[in-house]
Amino acid sequence: AAQPDDVAVFMQAKLNHANDVLAGLALADFDRIRRGSQKLALASQASSWQVLQSEEYARQSVAFRRACERLEQAAREKNLDAAALTWMEVTMKCVHCHRYLRDDGDRR
């Protein structure tokens, strides 16, 4: 399992990627949106991401990756409205998973 310091560094990197997406949306910088979404999807495959071994956690990770892929596609299509809506979906995936980790992850 990842050490707490490693998790904190990893979480900061994820937040940096998320900030890149948000900045890209605000500036209509589709390359920035695309790069940020790619980095988020890649991060979700890293060993540091796997903080809990459960079927539900794996399901949520896959749903997050798929949402990131849809965000990347919207950026490739230069569709700002679709990218903004998909970003809300990605953000909700984060919120739901973090809630799961706080609520259900504590019961491991």
N, C-alpha and C. Protein backbone atom coordinates (compact mmCIF):
# COMPACT_ATOMS: atom_id res chain seq x y z
N ALA A 1 0.84 -1.20 0.00
CA ALA A 1 0.00 0.00 0.00
C ALA A 1 0.87 1.24 0.00
N ALA A 2 0.36 2.30 -0.56
CA ALA A 2 1.10 3.55 -0.64
C ALA A 2 1.21 4.18 0.74
N GLN A 3 2.33 4.83 0.99
CA GLN A 3 2.54 5.54 2.25
C GLN A 3 1.79 6.86 2.23
N PRO A 4 1.40 7.40 3.40
CA PRO A 4 0.64 8.66 3.43
C PRO A 4 1.32 9.81 2.68
N ASP A 5 2.64 9.96 2.80
CA ASP A 5 3.33 11.04 2.09
C ASP A 5 3.23 10.86 0.59
N ASP A 6 3.33 9.59 0.12
CA ASP A 6 3.20 9.30 -1.31
C ASP A 6 1.81 9.65 -1.80
N VAL A 7 0.81 9.32 -1.00
CA VAL A 7 -0.58 9.60 -1.38
C VAL A 7 -0.79 11.10 -1.47
N ALA A 8 -0.24 11.87 -0.53
CA ALA A 8 -0.38 13.33 -0.55
C ALA A 8 0.25 13.93 -1.81
N VAL A 9 1.42 13.44 -2.19
CA VAL A 9 2.09 13.93 -3.40
C VAL A 9 1.26 13.57 -4.63
N PHE A 10 0.76 12.36 -4.65
CA PHE A 10 -0.06 11.90 -5.77
C PHE A 10 -1.34 12.71 -5.87
N MET A 11 -1.98 12.97 -4.73
CA MET A 11 -3.22 13.76 -4.74
C MET A 11 -2.94 15.17 -5.25
N GLN A 12 -1.82 15.76 -4.89
CA GLN A 12 -1.48 17.09 -5.37
C GLN A 12 -1.29 17.08 -6.88
N ALA A 13 -0.68 16.04 -7.41
CA ALA A 13 -0.51 15.93 -8.86
C ALA A 13 -1.87 15.83 -9.54
N LYS A 14 -2.79 15.04 -8.96
CA LYS A 14 -4.14 14.94 -9.54
C LYS A 14 -4.83 16.29 -9.53
N LEU A 15 -4.68 17.03 -8.44
CA LEU A 15 -5.29 18.36 -8.37
C LEU A 15 -4.68 19.30 -9.41
N ASN A 16 -3.39 19.18 -9.64
CA ASN A 16 -2.75 20.01 -10.67
C ASN A 16 -3.32 19.70 -12.06
N HIS A 17 -3.54 18.41 -12.35
CA HIS A 17 -4.13 18.04 -13.64
C HIS A 17 -5.56 18.58 -13.74
N ALA A 18 -6.30 18.49 -12.64
CA ALA A 18 -7.67 19.01 -12.62
C ALA A 18 -7.68 20.52 -12.83
N ASN A 19 -6.73 21.21 -12.21
CA ASN A 19 -6.64 22.66 -12.40
C ASN A 19 -6.32 23.00 -13.85
N ASP A 20 -5.50 22.18 -14.50
CA ASP A 20 -5.20 22.41 -15.92
C ASP A 20 -6.47 22.29 -16.75
N VAL A 21 -7.30 21.29 -16.46
CA VAL A 21 -8.55 21.13 -17.20
C VAL A 21 -9.43 22.36 -16.98
N LEU A 22 -9.58 22.78 -15.73
CA LEU A 22 -10.44 23.92 -15.44
C LEU A 22 -9.92 25.19 -16.11
N ALA A 23 -8.63 25.40 -16.08
CA ALA A 23 -8.06 26.57 -16.76
C ALA A 23 -8.30 26.47 -18.26
N GLY A 24 -8.13 25.27 -18.81
CA GLY A 24 -8.40 25.06 -20.24
C GLY A 24 -9.84 25.39 -20.59
N LEU A 25 -10.76 25.00 -19.73
CA LEU A 25 -12.18 25.31 -19.98
C LEU A 25 -12.41 26.81 -19.95
N ALA A 26 -11.83 27.47 -18.96
CA ALA A 26 -12.02 28.92 -18.82
C ALA A 26 -11.44 29.68 -20.01
N LEU A 27 -10.35 29.17 -20.56
CA LEU A 27 -9.65 29.84 -21.66
C LEU A 27 -10.01 29.29 -23.04
N ALA A 28 -10.88 28.29 -23.07
CA ALA A 28 -11.21 27.57 -24.31
C ALA A 28 -9.92 27.06 -24.98
N ASP A 29 -9.02 26.57 -24.13
CA ASP A 29 -7.75 26.01 -24.59
C ASP A 29 -7.93 24.49 -24.65
N PHE A 30 -8.33 24.02 -25.82
CA PHE A 30 -8.70 22.62 -25.97
C PHE A 30 -7.52 21.68 -25.80
N ASP A 31 -6.32 22.12 -26.18
CA ASP A 31 -5.14 21.28 -25.97
C ASP A 31 -4.89 21.08 -24.48
N ARG A 32 -5.08 22.13 -23.71
CA ARG A 32 -4.88 22.04 -22.26
C ARG A 32 -5.93 21.12 -21.62
N ILE A 33 -7.16 21.22 -22.07
CA ILE A 33 -8.22 20.33 -21.58
C ILE A 33 -7.86 18.88 -21.91
N ARG A 34 -7.46 18.66 -23.15
CA ARG A 34 -7.12 17.30 -23.60
C ARG A 34 -5.95 16.73 -22.80
N ARG A 35 -4.90 17.53 -22.63
CA ARG A 35 -3.72 17.05 -21.88
C ARG A 35 -4.09 16.75 -20.42
N GLY A 36 -4.85 17.64 -19.81
CA GLY A 36 -5.24 17.43 -18.41
C GLY A 36 -6.08 16.19 -18.25
N SER A 37 -7.02 15.97 -19.17
CA SER A 37 -7.87 14.79 -19.07
C SER A 37 -7.06 13.51 -19.31
N GLN A 38 -6.10 13.56 -20.22
CA GLN A 38 -5.24 12.39 -20.45
C GLN A 38 -4.42 12.07 -19.20
N LYS A 39 -3.87 13.10 -18.57
CA LYS A 39 -3.05 12.88 -17.38
C LYS A 39 -3.90 12.33 -16.23
N LEU A 40 -5.12 12.81 -16.11
CA LEU A 40 -6.01 12.28 -15.07
C LEU A 40 -6.33 10.81 -15.33
N ALA A 41 -6.62 10.48 -16.57
CA ALA A 41 -6.92 9.08 -16.91
C ALA A 41 -5.71 8.19 -16.65
N LEU A 42 -4.53 8.67 -17.03
CA LEU A 42 -3.31 7.89 -16.78
C LEU A 42 -3.05 7.73 -15.30
N ALA A 43 -3.28 8.79 -14.54
CA ALA A 43 -3.07 8.72 -13.09
C ALA A 43 -3.95 7.65 -12.46
N SER A 44 -5.14 7.48 -13.01
CA SER A 44 -6.08 6.51 -12.43
C SER A 44 -5.62 5.07 -12.65
N GLN A 45 -4.60 4.89 -13.45
CA GLN A 45 -4.05 3.56 -13.68
C GLN A 45 -2.78 3.31 -12.88
N ALA A 46 -2.29 4.35 -12.20
CA ALA A 46 -1.05 4.23 -11.42
C ALA A 46 -1.29 3.44 -10.15
N SER A 47 -0.25 2.82 -9.65
CA SER A 47 -0.37 2.03 -8.41
C SER A 47 -0.75 2.93 -7.23
N SER A 48 -0.33 4.17 -7.23
CA SER A 48 -0.67 5.09 -6.14
C SER A 48 -2.16 5.36 -6.07
N TRP A 49 -2.86 5.17 -7.19
CA TRP A 49 -4.31 5.38 -7.24
C TRP A 49 -5.03 4.29 -6.46
N GLN A 50 -4.47 3.09 -6.47
CA GLN A 50 -5.13 1.91 -5.90
C GLN A 50 -5.01 1.90 -4.38
N VAL A 51 -5.77 2.76 -3.72
CA VAL A 51 -5.69 2.85 -2.26
C VAL A 51 -6.61 1.84 -1.58
N LEU A 52 -7.48 1.22 -2.34
CA LEU A 52 -8.43 0.27 -1.77
C LEU A 52 -8.68 -0.84 -2.80
N GLN A 53 -8.65 -2.06 -2.34
CA GLN A 53 -8.91 -3.20 -3.22
C GLN A 53 -10.34 -3.68 -2.99
N SER A 54 -11.25 -3.20 -3.81
CA SER A 54 -12.64 -3.67 -3.72
C SER A 54 -13.25 -3.57 -5.11
N GLU A 55 -14.29 -4.33 -5.31
CA GLU A 55 -15.00 -4.32 -6.60
C GLU A 55 -15.61 -2.93 -6.86
N GLU A 56 -16.17 -2.33 -5.83
CA GLU A 56 -16.78 -1.00 -5.98
C GLU A 56 -15.74 0.05 -6.34
N TYR A 57 -14.59 0.01 -5.69
CA TYR A 57 -13.52 0.97 -5.98
C TYR A 57 -13.03 0.79 -7.42
N ALA A 58 -12.89 -0.44 -7.85
CA ALA A 58 -12.47 -0.72 -9.23
C ALA A 58 -13.52 -0.19 -10.21
N ARG A 59 -14.79 -0.40 -9.90
CA ARG A 59 -15.88 0.09 -10.76
C ARG A 59 -15.83 1.61 -10.86
N GLN A 60 -15.64 2.28 -9.74
CA GLN A 60 -15.59 3.73 -9.76
C GLN A 60 -14.37 4.24 -10.52
N SER A 61 -13.26 3.54 -10.43
CA SER A 61 -12.06 3.95 -11.17
C SER A 61 -12.28 3.84 -12.67
N VAL A 62 -12.94 2.77 -13.10
CA VAL A 62 -13.24 2.59 -14.53
C VAL A 62 -14.20 3.69 -15.00
N ALA A 63 -15.22 4.01 -14.21
CA ALA A 63 -16.16 5.06 -14.57
C ALA A 63 -15.46 6.41 -14.68
N PHE A 64 -14.51 6.65 -13.79
CA PHE A 64 -13.73 7.89 -13.84
C PHE A 64 -12.92 7.96 -15.13
N ARG A 65 -12.23 6.87 -15.46
CA ARG A 65 -11.43 6.83 -16.69
C ARG A 65 -12.29 7.07 -17.92
N ARG A 66 -13.44 6.46 -17.96
CA ARG A 66 -14.34 6.65 -19.12
C ARG A 66 -14.80 8.09 -19.23
N ALA A 67 -15.10 8.71 -18.11
CA ALA A 67 -15.49 10.13 -18.13
C ALA A 67 -14.33 10.99 -18.62
N CYS A 68 -13.12 10.68 -18.20
CA CYS A 68 -11.94 11.41 -18.68
C CYS A 68 -11.76 11.23 -20.19
N GLU A 69 -12.04 10.03 -20.67
CA GLU A 69 -11.94 9.78 -22.11
C GLU A 69 -12.98 10.58 -22.88
N ARG A 70 -14.19 10.70 -22.33
CA ARG A 70 -15.22 11.52 -22.98
C ARG A 70 -14.82 12.99 -22.96
N LEU A 71 -14.19 13.42 -21.89
CA LEU A 71 -13.70 14.80 -21.81
C LEU A 71 -12.62 15.05 -22.86
N GLU A 72 -11.72 14.11 -22.97
CA GLU A 72 -10.66 14.23 -23.99
C GLU A 72 -11.27 14.31 -25.39
N GLN A 73 -12.29 13.50 -25.65
CA GLN A 73 -12.95 13.51 -26.96
C GLN A 73 -13.63 14.85 -27.22
N ALA A 74 -14.30 15.39 -26.23
CA ALA A 74 -14.95 16.71 -26.39
C ALA A 74 -13.90 17.77 -26.70
N ALA A 75 -12.73 17.67 -26.07
CA ALA A 75 -11.66 18.64 -26.35
C ALA A 75 -11.14 18.45 -27.77
N ARG A 76 -10.99 17.22 -28.21
CA ARG A 76 -10.53 16.97 -29.59
C ARG A 76 -11.52 17.53 -30.61
N GLU A 77 -12.80 17.46 -30.26
CA GLU A 77 -13.85 17.99 -31.15
C GLU A 77 -14.04 19.50 -30.99
N LYS A 78 -13.27 20.08 -30.08
CA LYS A 78 -13.35 21.53 -29.79
C LYS A 78 -14.79 21.94 -29.43
N ASN A 79 -15.43 21.10 -28.64
CA ASN A 79 -16.80 21.33 -28.20
C ASN A 79 -16.76 21.76 -26.74
N LEU A 80 -16.75 23.08 -26.52
CA LEU A 80 -16.59 23.62 -25.18
C LEU A 80 -17.76 23.26 -24.26
N ASP A 81 -18.98 23.31 -24.79
CA ASP A 81 -20.13 22.97 -23.96
C ASP A 81 -20.07 21.50 -23.51
N ALA A 82 -19.77 20.61 -24.42
CA ALA A 82 -19.66 19.19 -24.07
C ALA A 82 -18.51 18.98 -23.08
N ALA A 83 -17.40 19.68 -23.29
CA ALA A 83 -16.27 19.54 -22.38
C ALA A 83 -16.64 20.03 -20.98
N ALA A 84 -17.34 21.15 -20.90
CA ALA A 84 -17.73 21.70 -19.60
C ALA A 84 -18.68 20.74 -18.88
N LEU A 85 -19.66 20.21 -19.61
CA LEU A 85 -20.60 19.26 -18.99
C LEU A 85 -19.89 17.98 -18.57
N THR A 86 -18.99 17.52 -19.38
CA THR A 86 -18.26 16.29 -19.05
C THR A 86 -17.32 16.54 -17.88
N TRP A 87 -16.77 17.74 -17.78
CA TRP A 87 -15.93 18.07 -16.64
C TRP A 87 -16.73 17.99 -15.34
N MET A 88 -17.99 18.43 -15.39
CA MET A 88 -18.84 18.31 -14.21
C MET A 88 -19.02 16.83 -13.85
N GLU A 89 -19.17 15.98 -14.86
CA GLU A 89 -19.30 14.55 -14.62
C GLU A 89 -18.03 13.99 -13.99
N VAL A 90 -16.86 14.37 -14.53
CA VAL A 90 -15.59 13.91 -13.97
C VAL A 90 -15.48 14.35 -12.51
N THR A 91 -15.83 15.59 -12.24
CA THR A 91 -15.76 16.12 -10.88
C THR A 91 -16.68 15.33 -9.94
N MET A 92 -17.88 15.01 -10.41
CA MET A 92 -18.80 14.22 -9.58
C MET A 92 -18.25 12.82 -9.32
N LYS A 93 -17.54 12.25 -10.30
CA LYS A 93 -16.91 10.95 -10.09
C LYS A 93 -15.89 11.05 -8.95
N CYS A 94 -15.14 12.14 -8.93
CA CYS A 94 -14.17 12.36 -7.84
C CYS A 94 -14.87 12.45 -6.49
N VAL A 95 -15.92 13.26 -6.45
CA VAL A 95 -16.65 13.47 -5.20
C VAL A 95 -17.24 12.15 -4.69
N HIS A 96 -17.86 11.39 -5.58
CA HIS A 96 -18.48 10.12 -5.17
C HIS A 96 -17.44 9.12 -4.67
N CYS A 97 -16.32 9.04 -5.37
CA CYS A 97 -15.30 8.08 -4.97
C CYS A 97 -14.66 8.49 -3.64
N HIS A 98 -14.39 9.77 -3.47
CA HIS A 98 -13.81 10.22 -2.20
C HIS A 98 -14.79 10.00 -1.05
N ARG A 99 -16.07 10.19 -1.31
CA ARG A 99 -17.08 9.90 -0.29
C ARG A 99 -17.06 8.40 0.05
N TYR A 100 -16.99 7.57 -0.98
CA TYR A 100 -16.91 6.12 -0.77
C TYR A 100 -15.69 5.77 0.09
N LEU A 101 -14.55 6.36 -0.23
CA LEU A 101 -13.33 6.08 0.53
C LEU A 101 -13.47 6.52 1.99
N ARG A 102 -14.07 7.67 2.21
CA ARG A 102 -14.25 8.15 3.59
C ARG A 102 -15.24 7.28 4.35
N ASP A 103 -16.37 6.99 3.73
CA ASP A 103 -17.46 6.29 4.42
C ASP A 103 -17.23 4.78 4.48
N ASP A 104 -17.02 4.16 3.32
CA ASP A 104 -16.90 2.72 3.26
C ASP A 104 -15.46 2.24 3.44
N GLY A 105 -14.52 3.05 2.99
CA GLY A 105 -13.11 2.69 3.11
C GLY A 105 -12.65 2.59 4.54
N ASP A 106 -13.32 3.34 5.43
CA ASP A 106 -12.96 3.29 6.84
C ASP A 106 -13.33 1.95 7.47
N ARG A 107 -14.21 1.20 6.83
CA ARG A 107 -14.68 -0.07 7.37
C ARG A 107 -13.80 -1.25 6.98
N ARG A 108 -12.72 -1.00 6.22
CA ARG A 108 -11.89 -2.11 5.75
C ARG A 108 -11.25 -2.82 6.90
